[in-house]
Amino acid sequence: MARDLIREYLSYLTVEKGLSNNSIEAYGRDIREMAEWAVRNGMSVLDLRPQDIREWLIDLSKKGICARTQRRKISSVRGFFRFAASEGHITANPSENLESPRIVSHLPNFLTIPEIERLFSIPDVETDRGIRDRALLELMYSSGLRVSEAVNLRTADLNLDALILTCTGKGSKTRKVPIGSDAVFWLKHYLPIRQKIETLVENLFISPRGRPLTRQFVHSMITKYAAKCGLEGVSPHSLRHSFATHLIQNSADIRSVQQMLGHSDISTTQIYTHITSDHLKRAYERFHPRARSG
């Protein structure tokens, strides 16, 4: 019954809440992990008490799971138990008073403009694959797309004449984002290559066999290109962070950046103002003659 209830809850999140497939998968993994722990300890997931859930979280900590992941798992099980209570399967929510671990805030990793240029120079644009990869890199940086948004983008979502695209982000929300001229240049080189590939999918970026690129493939591609030009810690999200940071550094309105990133909360976008404040402070300390005493 617990497994059926989990499926019911995931269906509820899909239909009623409109969460993305990635979010649904994460919720499902977290709740099933807790349910399996309960079974190993001779309980049903619906029999769990507050102290049992804390024991489960302690076990997770012993495995080295970070605070951010623990917070997500707590959020997952809270939602599940709220749903179970509302459906009458339990009389009290055992996760109601759980405290989430604090997260030490880290500023996102972003690339400087020279580093962007180095990274983008690596794909071999004498080949079809290299042109595709260059177009993908340019588009992700030009429009601040999440990797999931980039791989799910369809050719029909592009309007190169209007320099704009339509993408579907978290919670199945769509937004329109500008496309820069460099990205348009490489997309115009890539589109004829894509048209020659036999495929039934509508995805813009596909493999030579006509299959959509995966998030894992794009992550591996970017890290390999980054390693070739001596850059460390670069991921697809680094391009998104660089997009936002460079806009803010060049005095873009934060509300506009929020809309382009698809952030529902302005506080999520405001972290980039901290990045630029630190950047300006370092520049001041390095170059202003009165910045340092002595």
C-alpha atoms as a PDB file:
ATOM      1  CA  MET A   1       0.000   0.000   0.000  1.00  0.00           C
ATOM      2  CA  ALA A   2       2.879   2.360   0.808  1.00  0.00           C
ATOM      3  CA  ARG A   3       4.275   1.985  -2.706  1.00  0.00           C
ATOM      4  CA  ASP A   4       0.826   2.738  -4.183  1.00  0.00           C
ATOM      5  CA  LEU A   5       0.517   5.784  -1.949  1.00  0.00           C
ATOM      6  CA  ILE A   6       3.911   6.996  -3.107  1.00  0.00           C
ATOM      7  CA  ARG A   7       2.781   6.685  -6.715  1.00  0.00           C
ATOM      8  CA  GLU A   8      -0.430   8.495  -5.837  1.00  0.00           C
ATOM      9  CA  TYR A   9       1.562  11.325  -4.308  1.00  0.00           C
ATOM     10  CA  LEU A  10       3.896  11.607  -7.300  1.00  0.00           C
ATOM     11  CA  SER A  11       0.871  11.656  -9.598  1.00  0.00           C
ATOM     12  CA  TYR A  12      -0.613  14.420  -7.432  1.00  0.00           C
ATOM     13  CA  LEU A  13       2.599  16.457  -7.780  1.00  0.00           C
ATOM     14  CA  THR A  14       2.505  15.999 -11.548  1.00  0.00           C
ATOM     15  CA  VAL A  15      -1.157  16.789 -12.114  1.00  0.00           C
ATOM     16  CA  GLU A  16      -1.999  19.248  -9.342  1.00  0.00           C
ATOM     17  CA  LYS A  17       1.345  20.967  -8.775  1.00  0.00           C
ATOM     18  CA  GLY A  18       2.751  20.778 -12.300  1.00  0.00           C
ATOM     19  CA  LEU A  19       6.269  19.934 -11.140  1.00  0.00           C
ATOM     20  CA  SER A  20       8.929  19.031 -13.694  1.00  0.00           C
ATOM     21  CA  ASN A  21       9.943  15.445 -14.387  1.00  0.00           C
ATOM     22  CA  ASN A  22      13.304  16.072 -12.715  1.00  0.00           C
ATOM     23  CA  SER A  23      11.614  17.267  -9.512  1.00  0.00           C
ATOM     24  CA  ILE A  24       9.185  14.331  -9.535  1.00  0.00           C
ATOM     25  CA  GLU A  25      12.067  11.877  -9.920  1.00  0.00           C
ATOM     26  CA  ALA A  26      13.950  13.477  -7.020  1.00  0.00           C
ATOM     27  CA  TYR A  27      10.878  13.395  -4.746  1.00  0.00           C
ATOM     28  CA  GLY A  28      10.265   9.763  -5.678  1.00  0.00           C
ATOM     29  CA  ARG A  29      13.862   8.718  -4.926  1.00  0.00           C
ATOM     30  CA  ASP A  30      13.814  10.447  -1.544  1.00  0.00           C
ATOM     31  CA  ILE A  31      10.493   8.976  -0.408  1.00  0.00           C
ATOM     32  CA  ARG A  32      11.278   5.459  -1.634  1.00  0.00           C
ATOM     33  CA  GLU A  33      14.655   5.635   0.102  1.00  0.00           C
ATOM     34  CA  MET A  34      12.873   6.437   3.361  1.00  0.00           C
ATOM     35  CA  ALA A  35      10.290   3.697   2.744  1.00  0.00           C
ATOM     36  CA  GLU A  36      13.026   1.116   2.113  1.00  0.00           C
ATOM     37  CA  TRP A  37      14.785   2.186   5.326  1.00  0.00           C
ATOM     38  CA  ALA A  38      11.508   1.679   7.185  1.00  0.00           C
ATOM     39  CA  VAL A  39      11.116  -1.856   5.776  1.00  0.00           C
ATOM     40  CA  ARG A  40      14.687  -2.753   6.731  1.00  0.00           C
ATOM     41  CA  ASN A  41      13.828  -1.693  10.257  1.00  0.00           C
ATOM     42  CA  GLY A  42      10.614  -3.708  10.389  1.00  0.00           C
ATOM     43  CA  MET A  43       8.164  -0.864   9.782  1.00  0.00           C
ATOM     44  CA  SER A  44       5.851   0.487   7.134  1.00  0.00           C
ATOM     45  CA  VAL A  45       6.517   4.024   5.960  1.00  0.00           C
ATOM     46  CA  LEU A  46       3.139   5.034   7.411  1.00  0.00           C
ATOM     47  CA  ASP A  47       4.168   3.672  10.827  1.00  0.00           C
ATOM     48  CA  LEU A  48       7.138   6.031  11.114  1.00  0.00           C
ATOM     49  CA  ARG A  49       7.249   8.312  14.134  1.00  0.00           C
ATOM     50  CA  PRO A  50       9.206  11.585  14.416  1.00  0.00           C
ATOM     51  CA  GLN A  51      12.077   9.811  16.187  1.00  0.00           C
ATOM     52  CA  ASP A  52      12.201   7.189  13.413  1.00  0.00           C
ATOM     53  CA  ILE A  53      12.565   9.860  10.736  1.00  0.00           C
ATOM     54  CA  ARG A  54      15.347  11.494  12.766  1.00  0.00           C
ATOM     55  CA  GLU A  55      17.104   8.113  12.948  1.00  0.00           C
ATOM     56  CA  TRP A  56      16.834   7.847   9.168  1.00  0.00           C
ATOM     57  CA  LEU A  57      18.359  11.301   8.776  1.00  0.00           C
ATOM     58  CA  ILE A  58      21.184  10.382  11.176  1.00  0.00           C
ATOM     59  CA  ASP A  59      21.921   7.331   9.012  1.00  0.00           C
ATOM     60  CA  LEU A  60      22.064   9.590   5.974  1.00  0.00           C
ATOM     61  CA  SER A  61      24.520  11.902   7.738  1.00  0.00           C
ATOM     62  CA  LYS A  62      26.785   8.948   8.508  1.00  0.00           C
ATOM     63  CA  LYS A  63      26.924   8.252   4.774  1.00  0.00           C
ATOM     64  CA  GLY A  64      28.292  11.749   4.187  1.00  0.00           C
ATOM     65  CA  ILE A  65      25.185  13.244   2.587  1.00  0.00           C
ATOM     66  CA  CYS A  66      25.529  17.019   2.542  1.00  0.00           C
ATOM     67  CA  ALA A  67      23.206  19.487   4.289  1.00  0.00           C
ATOM     68  CA  ARG A  68      21.669  20.690   1.018  1.00  0.00           C
ATOM     69  CA  THR A  69      20.663  17.151   0.039  1.00  0.00           C
ATOM     70  CA  GLN A  70      19.302  16.514   3.540  1.00  0.00           C
ATOM     71  CA  ARG A  71      17.164  19.648   3.262  1.00  0.00           C
ATOM     72  CA  ARG A  72      15.754  18.430  -0.027  1.00  0.00           C
ATOM     73  CA  LYS A  73      14.971  15.007   1.430  1.00  0.00           C
ATOM     74  CA  ILE A  74      13.230  16.579   4.431  1.00  0.00           C
ATOM     75  CA  SER A  75      11.169  18.717   2.076  1.00  0.00           C
ATOM     76  CA  SER A  76      10.254  15.605   0.076  1.00  0.00           C
ATOM     77  CA  VAL A  77       9.072  13.586   3.070  1.00  0.00           C
ATOM     78  CA  ARG A  78       7.218  16.555   4.580  1.00  0.00           C
ATOM     79  CA  GLY A  79       5.176  16.874   1.430  1.00  0.00           C
ATOM     80  CA  PHE A  80       4.518  13.145   1.317  1.00  0.00           C
ATOM     81  CA  PHE A  81       3.295  12.989   4.915  1.00  0.00           C
ATOM     82  CA  ARG A  82       1.121  16.084   4.426  1.00  0.00           C
ATOM     83  CA  PHE A  83      -0.469  14.318   1.477  1.00  0.00           C
ATOM     84  CA  ALA A  84      -0.884  11.075   3.477  1.00  0.00           C
ATOM     85  CA  ALA A  85      -2.599  13.002   6.293  1.00  0.00           C
ATOM     86  CA  SER A  86      -4.894  14.888   3.932  1.00  0.00           C
ATOM     87  CA  GLU A  87      -5.938  11.586   2.340  1.00  0.00           C
ATOM     88  CA  GLY A  88      -6.698  10.084   5.758  1.00  0.00           C
ATOM     89  CA  HIS A  89      -3.911   7.482   5.771  1.00  0.00           C
ATOM     90  CA  ILE A  90      -2.351   8.879   8.961  1.00  0.00           C
ATOM     91  CA  THR A  91      -3.774  10.962  11.793  1.00  0.00           C
ATOM     92  CA  ALA A  92      -0.651  13.038  12.507  1.00  0.00           C
ATOM     93  CA  ASN A  93       2.242  14.224  10.346  1.00  0.00           C
ATOM     94  CA  PRO A  94       5.456  12.769  11.883  1.00  0.00           C
ATOM     95  CA  SER A  95       7.651  15.161   9.881  1.00  0.00           C
ATOM     96  CA  GLU A  96       5.892  18.332  11.004  1.00  0.00           C
ATOM     97  CA  ASN A  97       8.514  19.476  13.509  1.00  0.00           C
ATOM     98  CA  LEU A  98      11.637  18.322  11.674  1.00  0.00           C
ATOM     99  CA  GLU A  99      14.392  20.927  11.555  1.00  0.00           C
ATOM    100  CA  SER A 100      16.335  21.302   8.335  1.00  0.00           C
ATOM    101  CA  PRO A 101      20.133  21.616   8.602  1.00  0.00           C
ATOM    102  CA  ARG A 102      21.539  25.058   7.881  1.00  0.00           C
ATOM    103  CA  ILE A 103      23.363  25.560   4.627  1.00  0.00           C
ATOM    104  CA  VAL A 104      26.522  27.607   4.353  1.00  0.00           C
ATOM    105  CA  SER A 105      25.923  29.858   1.377  1.00  0.00           C
ATOM    106  CA  HIS A 106      28.456  29.556  -1.419  1.00  0.00           C
ATOM    107  CA  LEU A 107      28.549  31.998  -4.276  1.00  0.00           C
ATOM    108  CA  PRO A 108      28.006  30.343  -7.663  1.00  0.00           C
ATOM    109  CA  ASN A 109      31.013  29.569  -9.811  1.00  0.00           C
ATOM    110  CA  PHE A 110      31.190  31.739 -12.921  1.00  0.00           C
ATOM    111  CA  LEU A 111      33.681  32.258 -15.725  1.00  0.00           C
ATOM    112  CA  THR A 112      35.325  35.492 -16.744  1.00  0.00           C
ATOM    113  CA  ILE A 113      34.827  36.675 -20.310  1.00  0.00           C
ATOM    114  CA  PRO A 114      38.367  35.577 -21.333  1.00  0.00           C
ATOM    115  CA  GLU A 115      37.644  32.152 -19.817  1.00  0.00           C
ATOM    116  CA  ILE A 116      34.395  31.954 -21.799  1.00  0.00           C
ATOM    117  CA  GLU A 117      36.367  32.715 -24.957  1.00  0.00           C
ATOM    118  CA  ARG A 118      38.931  29.998 -24.142  1.00  0.00           C
ATOM    119  CA  LEU A 119      36.231  27.421 -23.473  1.00  0.00           C
ATOM    120  CA  PHE A 120      34.293  28.227 -26.638  1.00  0.00           C
ATOM    121  CA  SER A 121      37.423  27.975 -28.777  1.00  0.00           C
ATOM    122  CA  ILE A 122      37.887  24.277 -27.950  1.00  0.00           C
ATOM    123  CA  PRO A 123      35.175  22.554 -30.069  1.00  0.00           C
ATOM    124  CA  ASP A 124      36.504  21.668 -33.522  1.00  0.00           C
ATOM    125  CA  VAL A 125      34.204  23.714 -35.737  1.00  0.00           C
ATOM    126  CA  GLU A 126      35.614  22.008 -38.820  1.00  0.00           C
ATOM    127  CA  THR A 127      33.370  19.077 -37.856  1.00  0.00           C
ATOM    128  CA  ASP A 128      29.588  18.748 -37.598  1.00  0.00           C
ATOM    129  CA  ARG A 129      29.864  17.666 -33.965  1.00  0.00           C
ATOM    130  CA  GLY A 130      32.073  20.634 -33.133  1.00  0.00           C
ATOM    131  CA  ILE A 131      29.619  23.078 -34.725  1.00  0.00           C
ATOM    132  CA  ARG A 132      26.766  21.535 -32.729  1.00  0.00           C
ATOM    133  CA  ASP A 133      28.733  21.780 -29.492  1.00  0.00           C
ATOM    134  CA  ARG A 134      29.779  25.384 -30.167  1.00  0.00           C
ATOM    135  CA  ALA A 135      26.164  26.319 -30.918  1.00  0.00           C
ATOM    136  CA  LEU A 136      25.024  24.669 -27.690  1.00  0.00           C
ATOM    137  CA  LEU A 137      27.678  26.428 -25.596  1.00  0.00           C
ATOM    138  CA  GLU A 138      26.936  29.790 -27.178  1.00  0.00           C
ATOM    139  CA  LEU A 139      23.196  29.395 -26.651  1.00  0.00           C
ATOM    140  CA  MET A 140      23.463  28.327 -22.994  1.00  0.00           C
ATOM    141  CA  TYR A 141      25.677  31.308 -22.198  1.00  0.00           C
ATOM    142  CA  SER A 142      23.740  33.721 -24.408  1.00  0.00           C
ATOM    143  CA  SER A 143      20.351  32.910 -22.891  1.00  0.00           C
ATOM    144  CA  GLY A 144      21.193  31.581 -19.407  1.00  0.00           C
ATOM    145  CA  LEU A 145      19.465  28.251 -19.986  1.00  0.00           C
ATOM    146  CA  ARG A 146      19.515  25.420 -17.481  1.00  0.00           C
ATOM    147  CA  VAL A 147      20.977  22.266 -19.010  1.00  0.00           C
ATOM    148  CA  SER A 148      17.567  20.567 -18.828  1.00  0.00           C
ATOM    149  CA  GLU A 149      16.042  23.504 -20.717  1.00  0.00           C
ATOM    150  CA  ALA A 150      18.749  23.351 -23.381  1.00  0.00           C
ATOM    151  CA  VAL A 151      18.406  19.630 -24.099  1.00  0.00           C
ATOM    152  CA  ASN A 152      14.594  19.874 -24.211  1.00  0.00           C
ATOM    153  CA  LEU A 153      14.592  22.905 -26.499  1.00  0.00           C
ATOM    154  CA  ARG A 154      12.844  22.282 -29.839  1.00  0.00           C
ATOM    155  CA  THR A 155      13.728  23.779 -33.186  1.00  0.00           C
ATOM    156  CA  ALA A 156      10.268  25.378 -33.197  1.00  0.00           C
ATOM    157  CA  ASP A 157      11.173  27.241 -29.993  1.00  0.00           C
ATOM    158  CA  LEU A 158      13.708  29.386 -31.866  1.00  0.00           C
ATOM    159  CA  ASN A 159      12.880  32.641 -33.598  1.00  0.00           C
ATOM    160  CA  LEU A 160      16.220  33.668 -35.005  1.00  0.00           C
ATOM    161  CA  ASP A 161      14.770  36.622 -36.908  1.00  0.00           C
ATOM    162  CA  ALA A 162      13.382  38.090 -33.693  1.00  0.00           C
ATOM    163  CA  LEU A 163      16.485  36.988 -31.704  1.00  0.00           C
ATOM    164  CA  ILE A 164      14.352  35.233 -29.093  1.00  0.00           C
ATOM    165  CA  LEU A 165      13.546  31.723 -27.891  1.00  0.00           C
ATOM    166  CA  THR A 166      10.795  30.151 -25.817  1.00  0.00           C
ATOM    167  CA  CYS A 167      11.861  27.623 -23.204  1.00  0.00           C
ATOM    168  CA  THR A 168      10.084  25.536 -20.596  1.00  0.00           C
ATOM    169  CA  GLY A 169      11.629  25.717 -17.137  1.00  0.00           C
ATOM    170  CA  LYS A 170      10.860  24.494 -13.636  1.00  0.00           C
ATOM    171  CA  GLY A 171       7.214  23.808 -12.901  1.00  0.00           C
ATOM    172  CA  SER A 172       6.521  23.637 -16.663  1.00  0.00           C
ATOM    173  CA  LYS A 173       6.634  27.444 -16.793  1.00  0.00           C
ATOM    174  CA  THR A 174       7.499  28.937 -20.165  1.00  0.00           C
ATOM    175  CA  ARG A 175       9.449  32.124 -20.691  1.00  0.00           C
ATOM    176  CA  LYS A 176      10.899  34.061 -23.599  1.00  0.00           C
ATOM    177  CA  VAL A 177      14.615  34.820 -23.538  1.00  0.00           C
ATOM    178  CA  PRO A 178      16.759  36.867 -25.951  1.00  0.00           C
ATOM    179  CA  ILE A 179      19.395  35.150 -28.089  1.00  0.00           C
ATOM    180  CA  GLY A 180      22.696  36.914 -28.678  1.00  0.00           C
ATOM    181  CA  SER A 181      24.145  37.453 -32.151  1.00  0.00           C
ATOM    182  CA  ASP A 182      27.060  35.038 -31.591  1.00  0.00           C
ATOM    183  CA  ALA A 183      24.637  32.266 -30.631  1.00  0.00           C
ATOM    184  CA  VAL A 184      22.482  33.050 -33.689  1.00  0.00           C
ATOM    185  CA  PHE A 185      25.589  32.840 -35.904  1.00  0.00           C
ATOM    186  CA  TRP A 186      26.461  29.331 -34.696  1.00  0.00           C
ATOM    187  CA  LEU A 187      22.843  28.153 -34.653  1.00  0.00           C
ATOM    188  CA  LYS A 188      22.538  29.140 -38.319  1.00  0.00           C
ATOM    189  CA  HIS A 189      25.589  26.974 -39.008  1.00  0.00           C
ATOM    190  CA  TYR A 190      24.208  24.086 -36.960  1.00  0.00           C
ATOM    191  CA  LEU A 191      20.598  23.977 -38.234  1.00  0.00           C
ATOM    192  CA  PRO A 192      21.490  22.735 -41.757  1.00  0.00           C
ATOM    193  CA  ILE A 193      23.548  19.954 -40.118  1.00  0.00           C
ATOM    194  CA  ARG A 194      20.603  18.965 -37.953  1.00  0.00           C
ATOM    195  CA  GLN A 195      18.261  18.926 -40.954  1.00  0.00           C
ATOM    196  CA  LYS A 196      20.436  16.295 -42.636  1.00  0.00           C
ATOM    197  CA  ILE A 197      20.055  13.881 -39.683  1.00  0.00           C
ATOM    198  CA  GLU A 198      17.152  11.456 -39.856  1.00  0.00           C
ATOM    199  CA  THR A 199      15.160  11.769 -36.646  1.00  0.00           C
ATOM    200  CA  LEU A 200      11.619  11.696 -35.322  1.00  0.00           C
ATOM    201  CA  VAL A 201      12.342  13.962 -32.339  1.00  0.00           C
ATOM    202  CA  GLU A 202      11.762  17.705 -32.241  1.00  0.00           C
ATOM    203  CA  ASN A 203      14.719  18.467 -29.968  1.00  0.00           C
ATOM    204  CA  LEU A 204      17.080  21.086 -31.321  1.00  0.00           C
ATOM    205  CA  PHE A 205      20.280  19.414 -30.174  1.00  0.00           C
ATOM    206  CA  ILE A 206      20.603  15.782 -31.226  1.00  0.00           C
ATOM    207  CA  SER A 207      23.278  13.129 -31.703  1.00  0.00           C
ATOM    208  CA  PRO A 208      24.426  11.995 -35.173  1.00  0.00           C
ATOM    209  CA  ARG A 209      21.986   9.087 -34.739  1.00  0.00           C
ATOM    210  CA  GLY A 210      19.073  11.451 -34.231  1.00  0.00           C
ATOM    211  CA  ARG A 211      18.674  11.014 -30.490  1.00  0.00           C
ATOM    212  CA  PRO A 212      18.184  13.924 -28.075  1.00  0.00           C
ATOM    213  CA  LEU A 213      21.241  14.888 -26.059  1.00  0.00           C
ATOM    214  CA  THR A 214      20.992  14.081 -22.343  1.00  0.00           C
ATOM    215  CA  ARG A 215      21.877  16.304 -19.396  1.00  0.00           C
ATOM    216  CA  GLN A 216      24.643  13.849 -18.498  1.00  0.00           C
ATOM    217  CA  PHE A 217      26.116  14.059 -21.999  1.00  0.00           C
ATOM    218  CA  VAL A 218      26.177  17.861 -21.941  1.00  0.00           C
ATOM    219  CA  HIS A 219      27.774  17.879 -18.485  1.00  0.00           C
ATOM    220  CA  SER A 220      30.488  15.478 -19.660  1.00  0.00           C
ATOM    221  CA  MET A 221      31.035  17.457 -22.869  1.00  0.00           C
ATOM    222  CA  ILE A 222      31.499  20.758 -21.034  1.00  0.00           C
ATOM    223  CA  THR A 223      33.826  19.349 -18.376  1.00  0.00           C
ATOM    224  CA  LYS A 224      35.990  17.741 -21.091  1.00  0.00           C
ATOM    225  CA  TYR A 225      36.240  20.961 -23.063  1.00  0.00           C
ATOM    226  CA  ALA A 226      37.010  22.876 -19.854  1.00  0.00           C
ATOM    227  CA  ALA A 227      39.792  20.439 -18.936  1.00  0.00           C
ATOM    228  CA  LYS A 228      41.375  20.902 -22.370  1.00  0.00           C
ATOM    229  CA  CYS A 229      41.758  24.640 -21.790  1.00  0.00           C
ATOM    230  CA  GLY A 230      42.851  24.342 -18.153  1.00  0.00           C
ATOM    231  CA  LEU A 231      39.596  25.333 -16.446  1.00  0.00           C
ATOM    232  CA  GLU A 232      38.487  23.478 -13.326  1.00  0.00           C
ATOM    233  CA  GLY A 233      35.088  23.137 -11.672  1.00  0.00           C
ATOM    234  CA  VAL A 234      33.176  24.082 -14.818  1.00  0.00           C
ATOM    235  CA  SER A 235      29.699  22.638 -15.301  1.00  0.00           C
ATOM    236  CA  PRO A 236      26.679  23.511 -17.465  1.00  0.00           C
ATOM    237  CA  HIS A 237      25.401  25.666 -14.601  1.00  0.00           C
ATOM    238  CA  SER A 238      28.633  27.689 -14.735  1.00  0.00           C
ATOM    239  CA  LEU A 239      27.440  29.093 -18.059  1.00  0.00           C
ATOM    240  CA  ARG A 240      24.110  30.102 -16.517  1.00  0.00           C
ATOM    241  CA  HIS A 241      25.910  31.726 -13.576  1.00  0.00           C
ATOM    242  CA  SER A 242      28.236  33.522 -16.006  1.00  0.00           C
ATOM    243  CA  PHE A 243      25.265  34.789 -18.040  1.00  0.00           C
ATOM    244  CA  ALA A 244      23.638  36.320 -14.955  1.00  0.00           C
ATOM    245  CA  THR A 245      26.859  37.640 -13.433  1.00  0.00           C
ATOM    246  CA  HIS A 246      28.008  39.374 -16.607  1.00  0.00           C
ATOM    247  CA  LEU A 247      24.597  41.003 -17.051  1.00  0.00           C
ATOM    248  CA  ILE A 248      24.606  42.342 -13.480  1.00  0.00           C
ATOM    249  CA  GLN A 249      28.229  43.476 -13.800  1.00  0.00           C
ATOM    250  CA  ASN A 250      27.182  45.506 -16.817  1.00  0.00           C
ATOM    251  CA  SER A 251      24.333  47.178 -14.879  1.00  0.00           C
ATOM    252  CA  ALA A 252      21.406  45.077 -16.117  1.00  0.00           C
ATOM    253  CA  ASP A 253      18.180  45.548 -14.161  1.00  0.00           C
ATOM    254  CA  ILE A 254      17.869  42.700 -11.645  1.00  0.00           C
ATOM    255  CA  ARG A 255      14.153  42.234 -12.400  1.00  0.00           C
ATOM    256  CA  SER A 256      14.979  41.677 -16.057  1.00  0.00           C
ATOM    257  CA  VAL A 257      17.677  39.154 -15.118  1.00  0.00           C
ATOM    258  CA  GLN A 258      15.167  37.405 -12.844  1.00  0.00           C
ATOM    259  CA  GLN A 259      12.725  37.044 -15.741  1.00  0.00           C
ATOM    260  CA  MET A 260      15.394  35.785 -18.133  1.00  0.00           C
ATOM    261  CA  LEU A 261      16.599  33.193 -15.600  1.00  0.00           C
ATOM    262  CA  GLY A 262      13.054  32.104 -14.794  1.00  0.00           C
ATOM    263  CA  HIS A 263      13.462  32.636 -11.047  1.00  0.00           C
ATOM    264  CA  SER A 264      10.141  32.761  -9.214  1.00  0.00           C
ATOM    265  CA  ASP A 265      11.730  34.601  -6.262  1.00  0.00           C
ATOM    266  CA  ILE A 266      13.855  37.736  -6.662  1.00  0.00           C
ATOM    267  CA  SER A 267      16.003  36.658  -3.683  1.00  0.00           C
ATOM    268  CA  THR A 268      17.391  33.805  -5.799  1.00  0.00           C
ATOM    269  CA  THR A 269      18.573  36.312  -8.399  1.00  0.00           C
ATOM    270  CA  GLN A 270      20.019  38.692  -5.810  1.00  0.00           C
ATOM    271  CA  ILE A 271      22.910  36.322  -5.091  1.00  0.00           C
ATOM    272  CA  TYR A 272      24.474  37.646  -8.291  1.00  0.00           C
ATOM    273  CA  THR A 273      24.595  41.119  -6.799  1.00  0.00           C
ATOM    274  CA  HIS A 274      26.785  39.647  -4.035  1.00  0.00           C
ATOM    275  CA  ILE A 275      29.059  38.177  -6.673  1.00  0.00           C
ATOM    276  CA  THR A 276      29.447  41.487  -8.422  1.00  0.00           C
ATOM    277  CA  SER A 277      29.960  43.327  -5.123  1.00  0.00           C
ATOM    278  CA  ASP A 278      32.841  40.991  -4.302  1.00  0.00           C
ATOM    279  CA  HIS A 279      34.168  41.402  -7.835  1.00  0.00           C
ATOM    280  CA  LEU A 280      34.111  45.198  -7.553  1.00  0.00           C
ATOM    281  CA  LYS A 281      35.693  45.088  -4.115  1.00  0.00           C
ATOM    282  CA  ARG A 282      38.580  42.949  -5.390  1.00  0.00           C
ATOM    283  CA  ALA A 283      39.057  45.285  -8.344  1.00  0.00           C
ATOM    284  CA  TYR A 284      39.069  48.300  -6.018  1.00  0.00           C
ATOM    285  CA  GLU A 285      41.599  46.738  -3.637  1.00  0.00           C
ATOM    286  CA  ARG A 286      43.835  45.774  -6.527  1.00  0.00           C
ATOM    287  CA  PHE A 287      43.826  48.995  -8.498  1.00  0.00           C
ATOM    288  CA  HIS A 288      42.895  51.954  -6.273  1.00  0.00           C
ATOM    289  CA  PRO A 289      46.019  53.709  -4.960  1.00  0.00           C
ATOM    290  CA  ARG A 290      44.436  54.380  -1.547  1.00  0.00           C
ATOM    291  CA  ALA A 291      42.783  51.007  -1.095  1.00  0.00           C
ATOM    292  CA  ARG A 292      45.644  49.549   0.977  1.00  0.00           C
ATOM    293  CA  SER A 293      47.367  51.165   3.930  1.00  0.00           C
ATOM    294  CA  GLY A 294      51.094  51.543   3.960  1.00  0.00           C
END
